[in-house]
C-alpha atoms as a PDB file:
ATOM      1  CA  MET A   1      -9.960 -12.127  21.564  1.00  0.00           C
ATOM      2  CA  HIS A   2      -8.295 -12.385  24.646  1.00  0.00           C
ATOM      3  CA  GLY A   3     -10.935 -10.418  26.309  1.00  0.00           C
ATOM      4  CA  HIS A   4     -10.664  -7.464  23.806  1.00  0.00           C
ATOM      5  CA  GLN A   5     -13.542  -6.219  22.025  1.00  0.00           C
ATOM      6  CA  PRO A   6     -12.888  -5.087  18.241  1.00  0.00           C
ATOM      7  CA  ARG A   7     -13.438  -1.718  17.530  1.00  0.00           C
ATOM      8  CA  LYS A   8     -15.460  -0.996  14.277  1.00  0.00           C
ATOM      9  CA  ARG A   9     -13.874   2.522  13.889  1.00  0.00           C
ATOM     10  CA  PHE A  10     -10.308   0.981  13.756  1.00  0.00           C
ATOM     11  CA  GLY A  11     -11.420  -1.852  11.210  1.00  0.00           C
ATOM     12  CA  GLN A  12     -10.343  -4.419  13.521  1.00  0.00           C
ATOM     13  CA  ASN A  13     -10.306  -7.906  12.183  1.00  0.00           C
ATOM     14  CA  PHE A  14      -7.399 -10.176  13.763  1.00  0.00           C
ATOM     15  CA  LEU A  15      -5.889 -12.887  11.788  1.00  0.00           C
ATOM     16  CA  ALA A  16      -6.207 -15.983  14.068  1.00  0.00           C
ATOM     17  CA  ASP A  17      -5.446 -19.216  11.756  1.00  0.00           C
ATOM     18  CA  PRO A  18      -1.821 -20.282  12.447  1.00  0.00           C
ATOM     19  CA  HIS A  19      -1.427 -21.479   8.871  1.00  0.00           C
ATOM     20  CA  TYR A  20      -1.964 -18.269   7.237  1.00  0.00           C
ATOM     21  CA  VAL A  21       0.121 -16.405   9.737  1.00  0.00           C
ATOM     22  CA  ALA A  22       2.841 -19.032   9.100  1.00  0.00           C
ATOM     23  CA  ARG A  23       2.704 -18.283   5.421  1.00  0.00           C
ATOM     24  CA  ILE A  24       2.704 -14.729   5.954  1.00  0.00           C
ATOM     25  CA  VAL A  25       5.948 -14.332   7.989  1.00  0.00           C
ATOM     26  CA  ASP A  26       7.831 -17.155   5.506  1.00  0.00           C
ATOM     27  CA  ALA A  27       6.893 -14.637   2.655  1.00  0.00           C
ATOM     28  CA  VAL A  28       8.148 -12.046   4.466  1.00  0.00           C
ATOM     29  CA  ALA A  29      11.372 -14.008   5.402  1.00  0.00           C
ATOM     30  CA  PRO A  30      12.936 -11.912   8.314  1.00  0.00           C
ATOM     31  CA  GLN A  31      16.278 -12.473   9.327  1.00  0.00           C
ATOM     32  CA  PRO A  32      18.409 -11.400  12.498  1.00  0.00           C
ATOM     33  CA  GLY A  33      18.908  -7.290  11.983  1.00  0.00           C
ATOM     34  CA  ASP A  34      15.946  -6.750   9.496  1.00  0.00           C
ATOM     35  CA  ARG A  35      14.262  -3.397  10.309  1.00  0.00           C
ATOM     36  CA  ILE A  36      10.806  -4.734  10.378  1.00  0.00           C
ATOM     37  CA  VAL A  37       7.635  -2.338  10.566  1.00  0.00           C
ATOM     38  CA  GLU A  38       4.282  -3.608  11.274  1.00  0.00           C
ATOM     39  CA  ILE A  39       1.435  -1.712  11.136  1.00  0.00           C
ATOM     40  CA  GLY A  40      -1.569  -2.586  13.140  1.00  0.00           C
ATOM     41  CA  PRO A  41      -0.083  -5.386  15.566  1.00  0.00           C
ATOM     42  CA  GLY A  42      -3.310  -6.027  17.224  1.00  0.00           C
ATOM     43  CA  LEU A  43      -3.408  -9.205  19.054  1.00  0.00           C
ATOM     44  CA  ALA A  44       0.457  -9.910  18.176  1.00  0.00           C
ATOM     45  CA  ALA A  45      -0.478 -13.101  15.970  1.00  0.00           C
ATOM     46  CA  LEU A  46       2.536 -11.991  13.465  1.00  0.00           C
ATOM     47  CA  THR A  47       4.248  -9.696  15.918  1.00  0.00           C
ATOM     48  CA  ARG A  48       5.333 -12.778  17.686  1.00  0.00           C
ATOM     49  CA  PRO A  49       6.709 -14.848  15.098  1.00  0.00           C
ATOM     50  CA  LEU A  50       8.243 -12.037  13.394  1.00  0.00           C
ATOM     51  CA  ILE A  51      10.368 -11.205  16.510  1.00  0.00           C
ATOM     52  CA  GLU A  52      11.319 -14.719  16.848  1.00  0.00           C
ATOM     53  CA  ARG A  53      13.115 -14.616  13.603  1.00  0.00           C
ATOM     54  CA  ALA A  54      14.116 -11.197  13.445  1.00  0.00           C
ATOM     55  CA  GLY A  55      14.953 -10.223  16.967  1.00  0.00           C
ATOM     56  CA  HIS A  56      13.140  -6.872  17.095  1.00  0.00           C
ATOM     57  CA  LEU A  57      10.386  -4.652  15.485  1.00  0.00           C
ATOM     58  CA  ASP A  58       8.663  -1.277  15.237  1.00  0.00           C
ATOM     59  CA  ALA A  59       4.930  -1.431  15.903  1.00  0.00           C
ATOM     60  CA  ILE A  60       2.524   1.170  14.864  1.00  0.00           C
ATOM     61  CA  GLU A  61      -0.932   0.525  16.719  1.00  0.00           C
ATOM     62  CA  ILE A  62      -3.836   3.353  17.296  1.00  0.00           C
ATOM     63  CA  ASP A  63      -5.582   1.302  19.846  1.00  0.00           C
ATOM     64  CA  ARG A  64      -4.171   2.565  23.144  1.00  0.00           C
ATOM     65  CA  ASP A  65      -5.671  -0.865  24.626  1.00  0.00           C
ATOM     66  CA  LEU A  66      -3.937  -3.209  22.650  1.00  0.00           C
ATOM     67  CA  ALA A  67      -0.617  -0.981  22.654  1.00  0.00           C
ATOM     68  CA  GLY A  68      -0.888  -1.482  26.451  1.00  0.00           C
ATOM     69  CA  ARG A  69      -1.056  -5.229  26.294  1.00  0.00           C
ATOM     70  CA  LEU A  70       1.922  -5.159  23.719  1.00  0.00           C
ATOM     71  CA  ALA A  71       3.792  -3.161  26.202  1.00  0.00           C
ATOM     72  CA  SER A  72       3.243  -5.719  28.487  1.00  0.00           C
ATOM     73  CA  ASP A  73       4.311  -8.307  26.698  1.00  0.00           C
ATOM     74  CA  PHE A  74       7.218  -7.789  24.682  1.00  0.00           C
ATOM     75  CA  PRO A  75      10.474  -5.870  26.633  1.00  0.00           C
ATOM     76  CA  PRO A  76      11.625  -2.954  24.349  1.00  0.00           C
ATOM     77  CA  ALA A  77      14.658  -4.850  23.410  1.00  0.00           C
ATOM     78  CA  GLN A  78      12.097  -6.913  21.078  1.00  0.00           C
ATOM     79  CA  LEU A  79       9.538  -4.391  20.085  1.00  0.00           C
ATOM     80  CA  THR A  80       9.592  -0.355  19.915  1.00  0.00           C
ATOM     81  CA  LEU A  81       5.860   0.694  20.001  1.00  0.00           C
ATOM     82  CA  HIS A  82       4.921   3.714  18.445  1.00  0.00           C
ATOM     83  CA  VAL A  83       1.122   4.538  19.710  1.00  0.00           C
ATOM     84  CA  THR A  84      -0.375   6.586  16.791  1.00  0.00           C
ATOM     85  CA  ASP A  85      -2.105   6.664  13.354  1.00  0.00           C
ATOM     86  CA  ALA A  86      -0.267   5.286  10.722  1.00  0.00           C
ATOM     87  CA  LEU A  87      -1.990   7.660   8.069  1.00  0.00           C
ATOM     88  CA  ALA A  88       0.186  10.159   9.872  1.00  0.00           C
ATOM     89  CA  PHE A  89       2.949   8.376  11.057  1.00  0.00           C
ATOM     90  CA  ASP A  90       6.401   9.396   9.473  1.00  0.00           C
ATOM     91  CA  PHE A  91       8.416   6.622   8.138  1.00  0.00           C
ATOM     92  CA  ALA A  92      11.664   8.274   7.846  1.00  0.00           C
ATOM     93  CA  THR A  93      12.318   8.641  11.349  1.00  0.00           C
ATOM     94  CA  LEU A  94      13.117   4.901  11.288  1.00  0.00           C
ATOM     95  CA  GLY A  95      15.777   5.268   8.936  1.00  0.00           C
ATOM     96  CA  PRO A  96      16.535   3.333   5.816  1.00  0.00           C
ATOM     97  CA  ALA A  97      16.080  -0.550   4.768  1.00  0.00           C
ATOM     98  CA  LEU A  98      12.905  -0.920   6.019  1.00  0.00           C
ATOM     99  CA  LYS A  99      10.369  -3.905   5.683  1.00  0.00           C
ATOM    100  CA  ILE A 100       6.778  -3.119   6.232  1.00  0.00           C
ATOM    101  CA  VAL A 101       4.149  -5.647   7.428  1.00  0.00           C
ATOM    102  CA  GLY A 102       0.812  -5.703   8.051  1.00  0.00           C
ATOM    103  CA  ASN A 103      -2.929  -6.675   8.056  1.00  0.00           C
ATOM    104  CA  LEU A 104      -4.458  -3.212   6.961  1.00  0.00           C
ATOM    105  CA  PRO A 105      -7.888  -2.072   8.207  1.00  0.00           C
ATOM    106  CA  TYR A 106      -9.986  -2.061   4.876  1.00  0.00           C
ATOM    107  CA  ASN A 107     -11.269   1.333   5.554  1.00  0.00           C
ATOM    108  CA  ILE A 108      -8.324   3.279   4.937  1.00  0.00           C
ATOM    109  CA  SER A 109      -6.271   0.653   3.019  1.00  0.00           C
ATOM    110  CA  SER A 110      -5.918   2.980  -0.189  1.00  0.00           C
ATOM    111  CA  PRO A 111      -5.021   5.950   1.915  1.00  0.00           C
ATOM    112  CA  LEU A 112      -2.293   4.048   3.831  1.00  0.00           C
ATOM    113  CA  LEU A 113      -0.631   2.696   0.623  1.00  0.00           C
ATOM    114  CA  PHE A 114      -0.658   6.018  -0.607  1.00  0.00           C
ATOM    115  CA  HIS A 115       0.861   7.322   2.432  1.00  0.00           C
ATOM    116  CA  LEU A 116       3.735   4.418   2.356  1.00  0.00           C
ATOM    117  CA  ALA A 117       4.357   5.401  -1.453  1.00  0.00           C
ATOM    118  CA  GLN A 118       5.779   8.701  -0.223  1.00  0.00           C
ATOM    119  CA  PHE A 119       8.744   6.624   1.564  1.00  0.00           C
ATOM    120  CA  ASP A 120       9.659   3.963  -1.522  1.00  0.00           C
ATOM    121  CA  ALA A 121      13.097   5.127  -1.318  1.00  0.00           C
ATOM    122  CA  LEU A 122      13.537   3.808   2.442  1.00  0.00           C
ATOM    123  CA  LEU A 123      11.562   0.623   1.765  1.00  0.00           C
ATOM    124  CA  VAL A 124      13.111  -2.948   1.222  1.00  0.00           C
ATOM    125  CA  ASP A 125       9.639  -4.427   0.613  1.00  0.00           C
ATOM    126  CA  VAL A 126       5.668  -3.974   1.766  1.00  0.00           C
ATOM    127  CA  HIS A 127       4.067  -7.202   2.695  1.00  0.00           C
ATOM    128  CA  VAL A 128       0.079  -6.393   3.312  1.00  0.00           C
ATOM    129  CA  MET A 129      -2.940  -8.136   3.679  1.00  0.00           C
ATOM    130  CA  LEU A 130      -5.592  -6.556   2.436  1.00  0.00           C
ATOM    131  CA  GLN A 131      -9.476  -6.916   1.060  1.00  0.00           C
ATOM    132  CA  LYS A 132      -8.932  -8.900  -2.223  1.00  0.00           C
ATOM    133  CA  GLU A 133     -10.870  -6.564  -4.284  1.00  0.00           C
ATOM    134  CA  VAL A 134      -7.934  -3.873  -3.428  1.00  0.00           C
ATOM    135  CA  VAL A 135      -5.074  -6.499  -4.452  1.00  0.00           C
ATOM    136  CA  ALA A 136      -6.746  -6.808  -7.567  1.00  0.00           C
ATOM    137  CA  ARG A 137      -6.796  -3.219  -8.410  1.00  0.00           C
ATOM    138  CA  MET A 138      -3.167  -3.155  -7.456  1.00  0.00           C
ATOM    139  CA  THR A 139      -2.156  -6.010  -9.709  1.00  0.00           C
ATOM    140  CA  ALA A 140      -4.275  -5.038 -12.413  1.00  0.00           C
ATOM    141  CA  ALA A 141      -3.357  -4.563 -16.171  1.00  0.00           C
ATOM    142  CA  PRO A 142      -4.634  -1.566 -18.451  1.00  0.00           C
ATOM    143  CA  ALA A 143      -7.998  -1.712 -20.266  1.00  0.00           C
ATOM    144  CA  THR A 144      -9.328  -4.347 -17.280  1.00  0.00           C
ATOM    145  CA  PRO A 145     -12.171  -3.255 -14.910  1.00  0.00           C
ATOM    146  CA  GLU A 146     -10.161  -2.921 -11.893  1.00  0.00           C
ATOM    147  CA  TYR A 147      -7.209  -1.030 -13.625  1.00  0.00           C
ATOM    148  CA  GLY A 148      -7.292   2.644 -12.008  1.00  0.00           C
ATOM    149  CA  ARG A 149      -5.733   5.213 -10.163  1.00  0.00           C
ATOM    150  CA  LEU A 150      -4.222   3.085  -7.405  1.00  0.00           C
ATOM    151  CA  THR A 151      -3.045   0.948  -9.863  1.00  0.00           C
ATOM    152  CA  VAL A 152      -0.884   3.329 -11.579  1.00  0.00           C
ATOM    153  CA  MET A 153       0.333   5.329  -8.464  1.00  0.00           C
ATOM    154  CA  LEU A 154       1.276   2.017  -7.161  1.00  0.00           C
ATOM    155  CA  GLN A 155       2.712   0.382 -10.447  1.00  0.00           C
ATOM    156  CA  ALA A 156       5.190   3.606 -11.013  1.00  0.00           C
ATOM    157  CA  LEU A 157       6.843   2.864  -7.683  1.00  0.00           C
ATOM    158  CA  PHE A 158       6.615  -0.673  -7.299  1.00  0.00           C
ATOM    159  CA  ARG A 159       6.783  -3.961  -8.754  1.00  0.00           C
ATOM    160  CA  VAL A 160       3.313  -5.450  -7.268  1.00  0.00           C
ATOM    161  CA  ALA A 161       2.644  -9.189  -6.865  1.00  0.00           C
ATOM    162  CA  ARG A 162       0.005 -10.817  -5.212  1.00  0.00           C
ATOM    163  CA  LEU A 163       0.772 -13.730  -3.240  1.00  0.00           C
ATOM    164  CA  PHE A 164      -1.912 -15.914  -1.795  1.00  0.00           C
ATOM    165  CA  ALA A 165      -5.858 -15.331  -0.896  1.00  0.00           C
ATOM    166  CA  VAL A 166      -6.843 -15.643   3.033  1.00  0.00           C
ATOM    167  CA  PRO A 167     -10.319 -16.547   3.558  1.00  0.00           C
ATOM    168  CA  ALA A 168     -12.710 -14.700   5.491  1.00  0.00           C
ATOM    169  CA  GLY A 169     -12.665 -17.413   8.326  1.00  0.00           C
ATOM    170  CA  ALA A 170      -9.611 -17.072   9.059  1.00  0.00           C
ATOM    171  CA  PHE A 171     -10.126 -13.776  11.102  1.00  0.00           C
ATOM    172  CA  ARG A 172     -12.218 -13.056  14.311  1.00  0.00           C
ATOM    173  CA  PRO A 173     -14.523 -11.578  14.004  1.00  0.00           C
ATOM    174  CA  VAL A 174     -15.106 -12.875  10.380  1.00  0.00           C
ATOM    175  CA  PRO A 175     -15.406 -10.268   7.822  1.00  0.00           C
ATOM    176  CA  LYS A 176     -17.980 -10.200   5.248  1.00  0.00           C
ATOM    177  CA  VAL A 177     -14.934 -10.182   2.220  1.00  0.00           C
ATOM    178  CA  ASP A 178     -12.194 -12.409   1.590  1.00  0.00           C
ATOM    179  CA  SER A 179      -8.427 -10.875   1.598  1.00  0.00           C
ATOM    180  CA  ALA A 180      -5.158 -11.484  -0.126  1.00  0.00           C
ATOM    181  CA  VAL A 181      -1.533 -10.772   0.778  1.00  0.00           C
ATOM    182  CA  VAL A 182       0.427  -8.679  -2.057  1.00  0.00           C
ATOM    183  CA  ARG A 183       4.120  -8.097  -2.005  1.00  0.00           C
ATOM    184  CA  LEU A 184       5.284  -4.309  -3.109  1.00  0.00           C
ATOM    185  CA  VAL A 185       8.949  -4.025  -3.923  1.00  0.00           C
ATOM    186  CA  PRO A 186      10.362  -0.677  -4.829  1.00  0.00           C
ATOM    187  CA  LEU A 187      11.344  -0.586  -8.206  1.00  0.00           C
ATOM    188  CA  GLY A 188      14.630   1.295  -7.351  1.00  0.00           C
ATOM    189  CA  GLU A 189      16.844   2.000 -10.515  1.00  0.00           C
ATOM    190  CA  LYS A 190      13.835   1.101 -12.510  1.00  0.00           C
ATOM    191  CA  LYS A 191      11.603   3.354 -11.384  1.00  0.00           C
ATOM    192  CA  PRO A 192      10.595   5.977 -14.322  1.00  0.00           C
ATOM    193  CA  ASP A 193      11.783   9.631 -14.023  1.00  0.00           C
ATOM    194  CA  ILE A 194       8.668  11.914 -12.939  1.00  0.00           C
ATOM    195  CA  ALA A 195       9.731  15.302 -13.404  1.00  0.00           C
ATOM    196  CA  ASP A 196       6.778  16.590 -11.369  1.00  0.00           C
ATOM    197  CA  VAL A 197       5.179  14.153  -9.095  1.00  0.00           C
ATOM    198  CA  ALA A 198       2.525  16.325  -7.631  1.00  0.00           C
ATOM    199  CA  LEU A 199       1.452  17.071 -11.694  1.00  0.00           C
ATOM    200  CA  PHE A 200       1.538  13.256 -12.482  1.00  0.00           C
ATOM    201  CA  GLY A 201      -0.742  12.553  -9.326  1.00  0.00           C
ATOM    202  CA  ARG A 202      -3.156  15.206 -10.660  1.00  0.00           C
ATOM    203  CA  ILE A 203      -3.203  13.891 -14.116  1.00  0.00           C
ATOM    204  CA  VAL A 204      -3.873  10.174 -12.945  1.00  0.00           C
ATOM    205  CA  ALA A 205      -6.792  11.410 -10.592  1.00  0.00           C
ATOM    206  CA  ALA A 206      -8.554  13.445 -13.331  1.00  0.00           C
ATOM    207  CA  ALA A 207      -8.058  10.557 -16.056  1.00  0.00           C
ATOM    208  CA  PHE A 208      -9.994   8.052 -13.716  1.00  0.00           C
ATOM    209  CA  GLY A 209     -12.099  10.690 -11.889  1.00  0.00           C
ATOM    210  CA  GLN A 210     -15.011   9.567 -14.423  1.00  0.00           C
ATOM    211  CA  ARG A 211     -13.789   6.594 -16.121  1.00  0.00           C
ATOM    212  CA  ARG A 212     -16.060   6.852 -19.155  1.00  0.00           C
ATOM    213  CA  LYS A 213     -14.456  10.251 -19.820  1.00  0.00           C
ATOM    214  CA  THR A 214     -11.989  10.477 -22.809  1.00  0.00           C
ATOM    215  CA  MET A 215      -8.449  12.027 -22.228  1.00  0.00           C
ATOM    216  CA  ARG A 216      -9.708  14.921 -23.809  1.00  0.00           C
ATOM    217  CA  ASN A 217     -12.579  16.022 -21.356  1.00  0.00           C
ATOM    218  CA  ALA A 218     -10.962  14.386 -18.318  1.00  0.00           C
ATOM    219  CA  LEU A 219      -7.804  16.511 -18.427  1.00  0.00           C
ATOM    220  CA  SER A 220      -9.646  19.890 -19.924  1.00  0.00           C
ATOM    221  CA  THR A 221      -8.617  21.702 -16.522  1.00  0.00           C
ATOM    222  CA  ILE A 222      -4.816  20.497 -16.767  1.00  0.00           C
ATOM    223  CA  CYS A 223      -4.065  20.849 -20.247  1.00  0.00           C
ATOM    224  CA  ASP A 224      -5.680  20.982 -24.264  1.00  0.00           C
ATOM    225  CA  GLU A 225      -6.165  18.734 -27.070  1.00  0.00           C
ATOM    226  CA  ALA A 226      -3.180  19.507 -28.885  1.00  0.00           C
ATOM    227  CA  ALA A 227      -0.676  19.025 -25.901  1.00  0.00           C
ATOM    228  CA  LEU A 228      -1.966  15.396 -25.508  1.00  0.00           C
ATOM    229  CA  ARG A 229      -0.950  14.765 -29.130  1.00  0.00           C
ATOM    230  CA  ARG A 230       2.368  16.346 -28.589  1.00  0.00           C
ATOM    231  CA  ALA A 231       2.816  14.039 -25.804  1.00  0.00           C
ATOM    232  CA  GLY A 232       1.647  10.985 -28.139  1.00  0.00           C
ATOM    233  CA  ILE A 233      -1.597  10.564 -26.424  1.00  0.00           C
ATOM    234  CA  ASP A 234      -4.759  10.055 -28.193  1.00  0.00           C
ATOM    235  CA  PRO A 235      -7.359  12.487 -26.944  1.00  0.00           C
ATOM    236  CA  GLY A 236      -9.876  10.205 -27.634  1.00  0.00           C
ATOM    237  CA  ALA A 237      -9.100   7.326 -25.361  1.00  0.00           C
ATOM    238  CA  ARG A 238     -10.064   6.550 -22.070  1.00  0.00           C
ATOM    239  CA  GLY A 239      -7.678   6.702 -18.961  1.00  0.00           C
ATOM    240  CA  GLU A 240      -8.148   2.992 -18.128  1.00  0.00           C
ATOM    241  CA  THR A 241      -6.652   2.031 -21.610  1.00  0.00           C
ATOM    242  CA  LEU A 242      -3.161   4.059 -20.928  1.00  0.00           C
ATOM    243  CA  ALA A 243      -0.188   2.021 -19.572  1.00  0.00           C
ATOM    244  CA  VAL A 244       1.966   3.293 -16.403  1.00  0.00           C
ATOM    245  CA  GLY A 245       4.510   4.745 -18.855  1.00  0.00           C
ATOM    246  CA  GLU A 246       2.335   6.629 -21.006  1.00  0.00           C
ATOM    247  CA  PHE A 247       0.769   8.502 -17.963  1.00  0.00           C
ATOM    248  CA  VAL A 248       4.718   9.447 -17.111  1.00  0.00           C
ATOM    249  CA  ARG A 249       5.205  10.482 -20.440  1.00  0.00           C
ATOM    250  CA  LEU A 250       2.528  12.813 -20.704  1.00  0.00           C
ATOM    251  CA  ALA A 251       3.020  14.248 -17.158  1.00  0.00           C
ATOM    252  CA  ASN A 252       6.584  14.824 -18.000  1.00  0.00           C
ATOM    253  CA  ALA A 253       5.820  16.508 -21.429  1.00  0.00           C
ATOM    254  CA  LEU A 254       3.182  18.778 -19.688  1.00  0.00           C
ATOM    255  CA  ALA A 255       5.887  19.572 -16.798  1.00  0.00           C
ATOM    256  CA  GLY A 256       8.503  20.362 -19.605  1.00  0.00           C
ATOM    257  CA  HIS A 257       5.693  22.553 -21.530  1.00  0.00           C
ATOM    258  CA  ARG A 258       4.952  24.334 -18.695  1.00  0.00           C
ATOM    259  CA  GLU A 259       8.790  25.040 -17.877  1.00  0.00           C
END
C-alpha cells in the first residue's frame, strides 16, 4: 500500500500481482505515440509499464492523495493528470483515437461504462478490469440469465470480448469477488444506425426493468401492441429473448412512426 489507506468510498482495491499487470499491459499492446487514458491509476501498477511502452499517458484520478503521489513520481512529459471524477470527465477534450485502460471501481462500473459509450466514436479500444459477474453480463447472449440492459447497450456499440480472469488474491486489499479483464472495440462502420439514441435507451431500460414482463407490458408506456407487431416483435416475448438487432429495429420503427 506504500502507506496509503484504501478508501472504501472510492472502491479502492489495487492490483498488486506483477503477472496480471504484465498480462493487461500486453493485451493493451501500447505503442509509442498511442493516446492512452488510464482511469484510476491508483498506486501506478499499470501506469508505469504503460508509460515505459507508450512514452506518455493521460490519467484520471479522483483521490487527491494518490494524484499527489503520481504527480511527484512522473514528470508532465510522461503523465498528464486529471484530478476529477471519471463519471463527469469529458473524454472528447482529449481528442480522437483514445485507448482506455483501467481497473474500474466495482461500485461505479456500469455507470462508467455507459458514460464511456457516449464517446465510442473517439475510441480505438477499451481494456478494463471489472467484477467477473459484470463481464459476464457484458458478453452475454440472448436468452441467458446474464443478458440484460448493459449487454444490449454495449453490444450495440462495441465488439465485447472477455480476455481472462483475475483472482481476488491479485489485489490489495483482497476483494470479496473475482475479476475479469474485458476488451471493447467500437463497431465503427458496422455499428447499427440508431435513429433516436435516447428512445433506444428508453426501450432497452423498460424491457429489462422487470425481466418477467412481456414486451407488451414492459413497453406499455412507450408503444402499443400494434406498434410492436409492425416492427416484427412478438408482444408476448420477453426482453431477454430479443437480440440487439431486434431492439434496434424496434427503436427505429417507433422513431419513424413518431415522425
